[in-house]
Amino acid sequence: MIRKIFCLVLLLLLGAGLMRPAPATAADARLNGVLLSRIGGGTRAYLYLSRRTQARYFTLDHPYRAVIDLERTQLGQAVRLPQQWGLVSHTRVGVRPNGALRVVFVLRSAAAVHLTWQPGARGGQQLLIRLSGGAAPAATAARGPTAVAVANAPPDSGRDIIIAVDPGHGGIDPGTIGAYGTEEKTITLAIGKLLAQRIDAQRGLRAVLTRDTDVFVPLRERREIAQRAHADLFVSIHCNSVWDHAIKGAQVYILSLHGASSEAARILAEHENAADLRGGVQLNDKSRTLAAVLLNLSQTATISESMTAARDVVRAMDGSVPVRSRQVQDANFVVLRSPDIPSMLIETDYLSDPVEALKLRTYWYQKRIADAIFRGILAYFRAHPPSGTLFAEERQARMNRLLARN
């Protein structure tokens, strides 16, 4: 009897609106964007969220899918889903119970999935999803031309020479902002893509881009991409800036073991190295990393090769574009600290010069710079081809023909 009375009172209260269920709490996170890119041998997806939330994933077959569930997340307005890029054939989203949002990447083949949270812009977070496994097909025409990033061929006879092209900055790190609001990250990406296209068009050479979209990639990860691809050369593309707007011209840097070659080079190195801090990556292991490089005897030989390659690039650029210094500079750039890969950093020109900033925004000038860098790289590898490569075979064939004539 008491139980019936209690139930009746409860129903009356609910009907009167005195004990209505609490309204659903607003979503803790908002998905503001989805981006796909190809880096190294796999495909990467970036989910840009207003804040970090619980993320779970699983994979399915028939068809192959990578499924990401984001707890208490709503889909932001005007979010465009990328389609047909790398391992991903298409992308879709759906609302799940309890306010969860599901993001589904339909894949062309089975793939391993790895999730990593990274700091995003304006206090947000980005969820990096690494997809690796099957072969990544070429990009569709709708996304525009870009280099196909592939792993280095095995050390068999006639393999391609792998060149890691590193467009500096990106994503939340714009780099130098020069005249007319020109952002360094935009210029370096454009030049990097053009350089990768020239490399891929040359028989015996293959390009690997550390980034092919506007995303932030930590400095050490850029080196790791080159190392995973077994790159034979690492070329980082940047733009310069200085208080004197009349200064212009390109400069080429390699790693210095004994400090920067000048105070200006030291300041520039500190500026570029700060990119990691902007991305939220702490550099508390900097001294250990540098110490390890210093202790690695192979670094001396690598720097010697870097110097030879850099000189060829300076010679090729001189005459095609303004060159501020015909001497290769050296500085302690984090991105150049690969102990086993010859590396250089090219400051293509000064965005602080209004005239050069306007030129750097144009396709024709970006292509002129990319073409000049390519000619220098080509000259270096024709004279110093790595063993087991097609260039080495062709060089040996030329020498055999010369010997036969004598």
Protein backbone atom coordinates (compact mmCIF):
# COMPACT_ATOMS: atom_id res chain seq x y z
CA MET A 1 0.00 0.00 0.00
CA ILE A 2 2.79 2.45 0.94
CA ARG A 3 4.68 1.54 -2.26
CA LYS A 4 1.61 2.32 -4.39
CA ILE A 5 1.18 5.70 -2.69
CA PHE A 6 4.87 6.53 -3.27
CA CYS A 7 4.63 5.68 -6.96
CA LEU A 8 1.45 7.76 -7.33
CA VAL A 9 3.10 10.81 -5.69
CA LEU A 10 6.15 10.39 -7.92
CA LEU A 11 4.03 10.32 -11.06
CA LEU A 12 2.15 13.44 -9.94
CA LEU A 13 5.41 15.31 -9.31
CA LEU A 14 6.81 14.36 -12.70
CA GLY A 15 3.59 15.40 -14.39
CA ALA A 16 3.72 18.77 -12.64
CA GLY A 17 7.27 19.30 -13.81
CA LEU A 18 8.70 19.35 -10.28
CA MET A 19 11.00 16.37 -10.81
CA ARG A 20 11.85 16.46 -14.49
CA PRO A 21 15.11 14.79 -15.50
CA ALA A 22 18.04 17.21 -15.69
CA PRO A 23 18.71 18.46 -19.21
CA ALA A 24 21.62 16.90 -21.06
CA THR A 25 24.90 18.63 -20.33
CA ALA A 26 26.50 20.38 -23.28
CA ALA A 27 29.18 18.37 -25.03
CA ASP A 28 32.60 18.62 -23.37
CA ALA A 29 34.36 18.73 -26.73
CA ARG A 30 33.66 19.87 -30.28
CA LEU A 31 35.19 18.41 -33.44
CA ASN A 32 36.19 21.43 -35.55
CA GLY A 33 38.05 19.78 -38.40
CA VAL A 34 39.39 16.60 -39.98
CA LEU A 35 42.54 16.49 -42.09
CA LEU A 36 44.33 13.68 -43.93
CA SER A 37 47.97 13.65 -45.04
CA ARG A 38 50.59 11.18 -46.19
CA ILE A 39 53.91 11.19 -44.35
CA GLY A 40 56.61 8.55 -44.62
CA GLY A 41 55.08 5.22 -45.61
CA GLY A 42 51.64 5.69 -44.10
CA THR A 43 48.64 7.97 -43.81
CA ARG A 44 47.86 10.33 -40.97
CA ALA A 45 44.53 11.70 -39.86
CA TYR A 46 44.22 14.77 -37.65
CA LEU A 47 41.08 15.44 -35.62
CA TYR A 48 40.99 19.04 -34.40
CA LEU A 49 38.99 19.32 -31.17
CA SER A 50 38.11 22.18 -28.83
CA ARG A 51 39.46 20.15 -25.92
CA ARG A 52 40.78 16.71 -25.05
CA THR A 53 38.27 13.95 -24.44
CA GLN A 54 38.23 10.18 -24.04
CA ALA A 55 39.03 8.49 -27.36
CA ARG A 56 38.69 4.80 -28.17
CA TYR A 57 39.33 3.00 -31.43
CA PHE A 58 38.89 -0.38 -33.05
CA THR A 59 39.24 -1.82 -36.55
CA LEU A 60 36.80 -3.76 -38.74
CA ASP A 61 37.09 -5.87 -41.89
CA HIS A 62 34.96 -6.22 -45.03
CA PRO A 63 35.46 -3.38 -45.71
CA TYR A 64 38.53 -2.38 -43.72
CA ARG A 65 37.72 0.45 -41.31
CA ALA A 66 39.36 2.38 -38.50
CA VAL A 67 36.69 3.54 -36.07
CA ILE A 68 37.34 6.33 -33.54
CA ASP A 69 34.80 7.00 -30.78
CA LEU A 70 35.06 10.38 -29.03
CA GLU A 71 33.15 10.62 -25.76
CA ARG A 72 30.92 13.66 -25.08
CA THR A 73 31.76 15.28 -28.42
CA GLN A 74 29.63 17.13 -30.92
CA LEU A 75 30.34 17.86 -34.58
CA GLY A 76 31.23 21.48 -35.25
CA GLN A 77 29.51 23.52 -37.90
CA ALA A 78 30.78 23.49 -41.47
CA VAL A 79 33.20 20.60 -40.88
CA ARG A 80 34.24 19.16 -44.25
CA LEU A 81 35.27 15.53 -44.32
CA PRO A 82 38.29 14.67 -46.51
CA GLN A 83 37.89 11.86 -49.02
CA GLN A 84 40.20 9.50 -50.98
CA TRP A 85 43.60 10.28 -49.53
CA GLY A 86 46.36 7.72 -49.01
CA LEU A 87 45.03 4.61 -47.26
CA VAL A 88 41.64 6.24 -46.72
CA SER A 89 38.98 5.77 -49.40
CA HIS A 90 36.42 7.94 -47.60
CA THR A 91 35.46 9.34 -44.19
CA ARG A 92 32.15 9.59 -42.35
CA VAL A 93 30.89 10.61 -38.92
CA GLY A 94 27.88 9.63 -36.83
CA VAL A 95 26.33 10.41 -33.46
CA ARG A 96 26.46 7.68 -30.84
CA PRO A 97 24.47 7.23 -27.61
CA ASN A 98 25.40 9.30 -24.54
CA GLY A 99 26.73 12.18 -26.62
CA ALA A 100 29.59 10.29 -28.26
CA LEU A 101 30.75 11.05 -31.80
CA ARG A 102 32.04 8.30 -34.09
CA VAL A 103 34.54 9.00 -36.88
CA VAL A 104 34.98 6.19 -39.41
CA PHE A 105 37.86 5.98 -41.89
CA VAL A 106 37.09 3.46 -44.60
CA LEU A 107 40.44 2.01 -45.69
CA ARG A 108 41.76 0.53 -48.90
CA SER A 109 43.64 -2.17 -46.98
CA ALA A 110 44.23 -3.42 -43.45
CA ALA A 111 46.18 -0.95 -41.33
CA ALA A 112 47.67 -0.62 -37.88
CA VAL A 113 46.22 2.28 -35.86
CA HIS A 114 48.02 4.45 -33.30
CA LEU A 115 46.53 7.48 -31.48
CA THR A 116 48.47 10.43 -30.04
CA TRP A 117 47.15 13.63 -28.46
CA GLN A 118 48.94 16.86 -29.37
CA PRO A 119 48.40 20.51 -28.39
CA GLY A 120 46.28 22.44 -30.86
CA ALA A 121 45.59 26.07 -31.66
CA ARG A 122 43.88 28.43 -29.21
CA GLY A 123 44.06 25.98 -26.35
CA GLY A 124 42.48 23.15 -28.33
CA GLN A 125 43.79 19.65 -28.90
CA GLN A 126 44.46 17.58 -31.99
CA LEU A 127 44.23 13.82 -32.09
CA LEU A 128 46.85 12.35 -34.42
CA ILE A 129 45.86 8.99 -35.90
CA ARG A 130 48.67 7.09 -37.61
CA LEU A 131 47.51 4.53 -40.17
CA SER A 132 50.16 2.18 -41.54
CA GLY A 133 49.95 -1.06 -43.41
CA GLY A 134 48.93 -1.24 -47.07
CA ALA A 135 50.32 0.71 -49.99
CA ALA A 136 49.09 4.27 -50.23
CA PRO A 137 47.84 5.15 -53.73
CA ALA A 138 48.60 8.45 -55.37
CA ALA A 139 46.58 11.49 -54.38
CA THR A 140 43.47 12.34 -56.37
CA ALA A 141 43.56 15.26 -58.73
CA ALA A 142 41.07 17.16 -56.58
CA ARG A 143 43.66 17.52 -53.82
CA GLY A 144 46.33 18.84 -56.14
CA PRO A 145 49.77 17.45 -57.03
CA THR A 146 52.12 16.27 -54.33
CA ALA A 147 54.98 13.86 -53.89
CA VAL A 148 54.11 10.29 -53.05
CA ALA A 149 55.91 9.51 -49.81
CA VAL A 150 57.36 6.01 -49.84
CA ALA A 151 59.83 4.04 -47.83
CA ASN A 152 63.30 3.65 -49.24
CA ALA A 153 63.90 0.68 -51.47
CA PRO A 154 65.96 -2.17 -50.05
CA PRO A 155 69.70 -1.90 -50.62
CA ASP A 156 69.53 -3.85 -53.86
CA SER A 157 71.23 -2.84 -57.05
CA GLY A 158 69.55 0.08 -58.80
CA ARG A 159 67.48 1.41 -55.89
CA ASP A 160 66.21 4.97 -55.82
CA ILE A 161 68.00 7.71 -53.90
CA ILE A 162 65.62 8.95 -51.20
CA ILE A 163 65.51 12.67 -50.42
CA ALA A 164 63.54 13.88 -47.41
CA VAL A 165 62.03 17.30 -48.17
CA ASP A 166 61.07 19.18 -45.01
CA PRO A 167 58.81 22.25 -45.41
CA GLY A 168 59.51 24.21 -42.24
CA HIS A 169 56.91 25.09 -39.59
CA GLY A 170 53.20 24.39 -40.21
CA GLY A 171 49.89 24.18 -38.40
CA ILE A 172 49.88 26.21 -35.19
CA ASP A 173 53.47 27.32 -35.88
CA PRO A 174 53.39 29.89 -38.73
CA GLY A 175 57.12 30.59 -38.56
CA THR A 176 58.19 34.07 -39.64
CA ILE A 177 55.37 36.45 -40.53
CA GLY A 178 56.80 38.91 -43.00
CA ALA A 179 55.62 41.80 -45.12
CA TYR A 180 51.93 41.79 -46.09
CA GLY A 181 51.25 39.15 -43.46
CA THR A 182 53.08 36.49 -45.47
CA GLU A 183 53.47 33.35 -43.36
CA GLU A 184 56.63 31.30 -43.65
CA LYS A 185 54.77 27.98 -43.31
CA THR A 186 52.76 28.68 -46.48
CA ILE A 187 55.80 29.55 -48.59
CA THR A 188 57.88 26.60 -47.37
CA LEU A 189 55.07 24.13 -48.09
CA ALA A 190 54.62 25.45 -51.63
CA ILE A 191 58.36 25.30 -52.38
CA GLY A 192 58.69 21.90 -50.71
CA LYS A 193 55.94 20.40 -52.85
CA LEU A 194 57.45 21.80 -56.04
CA LEU A 195 60.86 20.45 -55.08
CA ALA A 196 59.38 17.02 -54.35
CA GLN A 197 57.70 17.01 -57.76
CA ARG A 198 61.00 17.75 -59.50
CA ILE A 199 62.72 15.01 -57.53
CA ASP A 200 60.04 12.43 -58.32
CA ALA A 201 60.18 13.34 -62.02
CA GLN A 202 63.88 12.39 -62.13
CA ARG A 203 64.57 8.72 -62.75
CA GLY A 204 66.51 7.27 -59.82
CA LEU A 205 65.36 9.85 -57.27
CA ARG A 206 62.40 9.70 -54.88
CA ALA A 207 61.03 12.33 -52.49
CA VAL A 208 59.58 11.90 -49.00
CA LEU A 209 57.77 14.94 -47.59
CA THR A 210 57.78 15.40 -43.84
CA ARG A 211 54.48 17.23 -44.29
CA ASP A 212 52.33 17.82 -47.36
CA THR A 213 49.57 19.85 -45.68
CA ASP A 214 49.33 22.66 -43.13
CA VAL A 215 50.04 20.57 -40.02
CA PHE A 216 52.46 20.90 -37.13
CA VAL A 217 55.22 18.27 -37.06
CA PRO A 218 57.72 18.40 -34.15
CA LEU A 219 61.34 18.92 -35.14
CA ARG A 220 62.55 15.53 -33.92
CA GLU A 221 59.69 13.77 -35.67
CA ARG A 222 60.78 15.37 -38.94
CA ARG A 223 64.18 13.73 -38.52
CA GLU A 224 62.54 10.44 -37.56
CA ILE A 225 60.45 10.48 -40.75
CA ALA A 226 63.64 10.78 -42.77
CA GLN A 227 65.31 8.02 -40.78
CA ARG A 228 62.36 5.63 -41.15
CA ALA A 229 62.45 6.23 -44.91
CA HIS A 230 66.23 5.54 -44.95
CA ALA A 231 66.73 8.90 -46.62
CA ASP A 232 70.04 9.65 -48.32
CA LEU A 233 69.65 13.42 -47.85
CA PHE A 234 67.53 15.71 -45.67
CA VAL A 235 66.62 19.18 -47.00
CA SER A 236 64.72 21.59 -44.74
CA ILE A 237 63.08 24.61 -46.41
CA HIS A 238 62.66 27.92 -44.54
CA CYS A 239 62.37 31.69 -45.04
CA ASN A 240 64.44 34.28 -43.23
CA SER A 241 63.63 37.57 -41.52
CA VAL A 242 65.68 40.43 -40.11
CA TRP A 243 65.09 43.96 -38.82
CA ASP A 244 66.83 45.49 -41.86
CA HIS A 245 64.28 45.22 -44.67
CA ALA A 246 66.92 45.82 -47.33
CA ILE A 247 68.66 42.49 -46.66
CA LYS A 248 67.71 39.70 -49.03
CA GLY A 249 69.01 36.48 -50.54
CA ALA A 250 69.26 32.78 -49.81
CA GLN A 251 71.57 31.09 -47.33
CA VAL A 252 72.33 27.40 -46.82
CA TYR A 253 73.16 25.92 -43.40
CA ILE A 254 74.55 22.64 -42.15
CA LEU A 255 74.97 21.44 -38.57
CA SER A 256 77.81 22.92 -36.53
CA LEU A 257 79.43 20.82 -33.82
CA HIS A 258 81.25 23.78 -32.36
CA GLY A 259 78.50 26.37 -32.19
CA ALA A 260 77.10 28.79 -34.73
CA SER A 261 79.40 30.36 -37.30
CA SER A 262 78.16 33.83 -36.38
CA GLU A 263 75.96 35.55 -33.84
CA ALA A 264 73.24 35.98 -36.47
CA ALA A 265 73.32 32.26 -37.21
CA ARG A 266 73.07 31.47 -33.49
CA ILE A 267 70.00 33.71 -33.09
CA LEU A 268 68.43 32.17 -36.17
CA ALA A 269 69.04 28.66 -34.86
CA GLU A 270 67.35 29.54 -31.57
CA HIS A 271 64.38 30.99 -33.47
CA GLU A 272 63.86 27.84 -35.55
CA ASN A 273 64.40 25.52 -32.58
CA ALA A 274 61.64 27.33 -30.68
CA ALA A 275 59.09 25.69 -32.98
CA ASP A 276 59.01 22.68 -30.68
CA LEU A 277 58.09 24.87 -27.73
CA ARG A 278 55.25 26.43 -29.66
CA GLY A 279 53.91 22.96 -30.33
CA GLY A 280 53.96 22.09 -26.65
CA VAL A 281 56.89 19.69 -26.94
CA GLN A 282 59.42 20.16 -24.14
CA LEU A 283 63.09 20.25 -25.04
CA ASN A 284 64.32 18.96 -21.70
CA ASP A 285 66.47 16.35 -23.43
CA LYS A 286 68.27 18.87 -25.62
CA SER A 287 71.65 18.55 -23.95
CA ARG A 288 71.45 14.76 -23.90
CA THR A 289 70.55 14.64 -27.58
CA LEU A 290 73.35 16.97 -28.56
CA ALA A 291 75.79 15.06 -26.38
CA ALA A 292 74.80 11.82 -28.10
CA VAL A 293 75.38 13.41 -31.49
CA LEU A 294 78.75 14.76 -30.43
CA LEU A 295 79.80 11.33 -29.18
CA ASN A 296 78.76 9.65 -32.42
CA LEU A 297 81.84 9.47 -34.59
CA SER A 298 79.76 9.06 -37.71
CA GLN A 299 78.56 12.64 -37.30
CA THR A 300 81.87 13.99 -38.58
CA ALA A 301 81.56 12.09 -41.84
CA THR A 302 77.90 13.08 -42.15
CA ILE A 303 78.72 16.76 -41.73
CA SER A 304 81.43 16.46 -44.38
CA GLU A 305 78.88 15.02 -46.82
CA SER A 306 76.41 17.72 -45.82
CA MET A 307 78.95 20.40 -46.65
CA THR A 308 79.62 18.93 -50.11
CA ALA A 309 75.91 18.71 -50.92
CA ALA A 310 75.21 22.19 -49.53
CA ARG A 311 77.97 23.72 -51.67
CA ASP A 312 76.42 22.18 -54.78
CA VAL A 313 73.04 23.67 -53.83
CA VAL A 314 74.54 27.14 -53.22
CA ARG A 315 76.27 27.03 -56.62
CA ALA A 316 73.03 26.01 -58.32
CA MET A 317 71.01 28.74 -56.61
CA ASP A 318 73.57 31.45 -57.30
CA GLY A 319 72.54 33.13 -60.54
CA SER A 320 68.98 31.81 -60.47
CA VAL A 321 67.85 33.56 -57.28
CA PRO A 322 69.48 36.15 -55.00
CA VAL A 323 72.08 34.53 -52.74
CA ARG A 324 73.17 36.48 -49.69
CA SER A 325 76.18 34.29 -48.93
CA ARG A 326 78.04 31.98 -51.29
CA GLN A 327 79.62 30.31 -48.26
CA VAL A 328 77.77 27.49 -46.52
CA GLN A 329 76.88 28.54 -42.98
CA ASP A 330 76.78 26.29 -39.93
CA ALA A 331 74.45 26.48 -36.93
CA ASN A 332 73.03 24.19 -34.26
CA PHE A 333 69.59 23.52 -35.77
CA VAL A 334 67.69 20.74 -34.01
CA VAL A 335 66.27 19.49 -37.29
CA LEU A 336 69.78 18.90 -38.71
CA ARG A 337 71.00 16.65 -35.90
CA SER A 338 70.67 13.33 -37.73
CA PRO A 339 73.95 11.51 -37.11
CA ASP A 340 73.63 9.34 -40.21
CA ILE A 341 71.83 11.47 -42.83
CA PRO A 342 73.55 14.39 -44.62
CA SER A 343 71.33 17.38 -43.89
CA MET A 344 70.97 21.02 -44.86
CA LEU A 345 68.63 23.89 -44.06
CA ILE A 346 67.91 26.41 -46.80
CA GLU A 347 66.72 29.92 -45.95
CA THR A 348 65.24 30.68 -49.36
CA ASP A 349 64.95 34.46 -48.90
CA TYR A 350 63.89 37.22 -46.49
CA LEU A 351 60.18 37.75 -45.86
CA SER A 352 61.09 40.98 -44.08
CA ASP A 353 61.95 42.51 -47.48
CA PRO A 354 58.60 43.65 -48.97
CA VAL A 355 59.77 43.04 -52.55
CA GLU A 356 61.05 39.53 -51.79
CA ALA A 357 57.91 38.74 -49.78
CA LEU A 358 55.76 39.55 -52.81
CA LYS A 359 57.98 37.40 -55.05
CA LEU A 360 57.90 34.49 -52.61
CA ARG A 361 54.11 34.49 -52.79
CA THR A 362 54.17 33.83 -56.55
CA TYR A 363 54.22 30.42 -58.18
CA TRP A 364 56.91 31.33 -60.72
CA TYR A 365 59.39 32.40 -58.01
CA GLN A 366 58.61 29.42 -55.79
CA LYS A 367 59.27 27.18 -58.79
CA ARG A 368 62.52 29.00 -59.61
CA ILE A 369 63.77 28.36 -56.09
CA ALA A 370 62.67 24.71 -56.17
CA ASP A 371 64.31 24.18 -59.56
CA ALA A 372 67.59 25.67 -58.36
CA ILE A 373 67.65 23.50 -55.23
CA PHE A 374 66.87 20.45 -57.35
CA ARG A 375 69.75 21.16 -59.74
CA GLY A 376 72.14 21.33 -56.79
CA ILE A 377 70.85 18.04 -55.36
CA LEU A 378 71.09 16.38 -58.77
CA ALA A 379 74.67 17.59 -59.25
CA TYR A 380 75.66 16.26 -55.83
CA PHE A 381 74.24 12.78 -56.32
CA ARG A 382 75.59 12.45 -59.85
CA ALA A 383 79.05 13.11 -58.45
CA HIS A 384 78.56 11.22 -55.16
CA PRO A 385 75.95 8.50 -55.68
CA PRO A 386 75.28 6.16 -52.72
CA SER A 387 76.31 2.57 -53.39
CA GLY A 388 73.59 0.27 -54.67
CA THR A 389 71.63 3.05 -56.34
CA LEU A 390 70.71 3.54 -59.96
CA PHE A 391 72.89 6.67 -60.02
CA ALA A 392 75.86 4.59 -58.83
CA GLU A 393 75.26 2.04 -61.59
CA GLU A 394 75.03 4.76 -64.24
CA ARG A 395 78.19 6.44 -62.94
CA GLN A 396 80.05 3.15 -63.04
CA ALA A 397 78.81 2.54 -66.58
CA ARG A 398 80.12 5.95 -67.66
CA MET A 399 83.50 5.22 -66.10
CA ASN A 400 83.62 1.81 -67.83
CA ARG A 401 82.92 3.46 -71.19
CA LEU A 402 85.69 6.00 -70.61
CA LEU A 403 88.14 3.23 -69.67
CA ALA A 404 87.15 1.23 -72.72
CA ARG A 405 87.95 4.16 -74.98
CA ASN A 406 91.44 4.41 -73.49
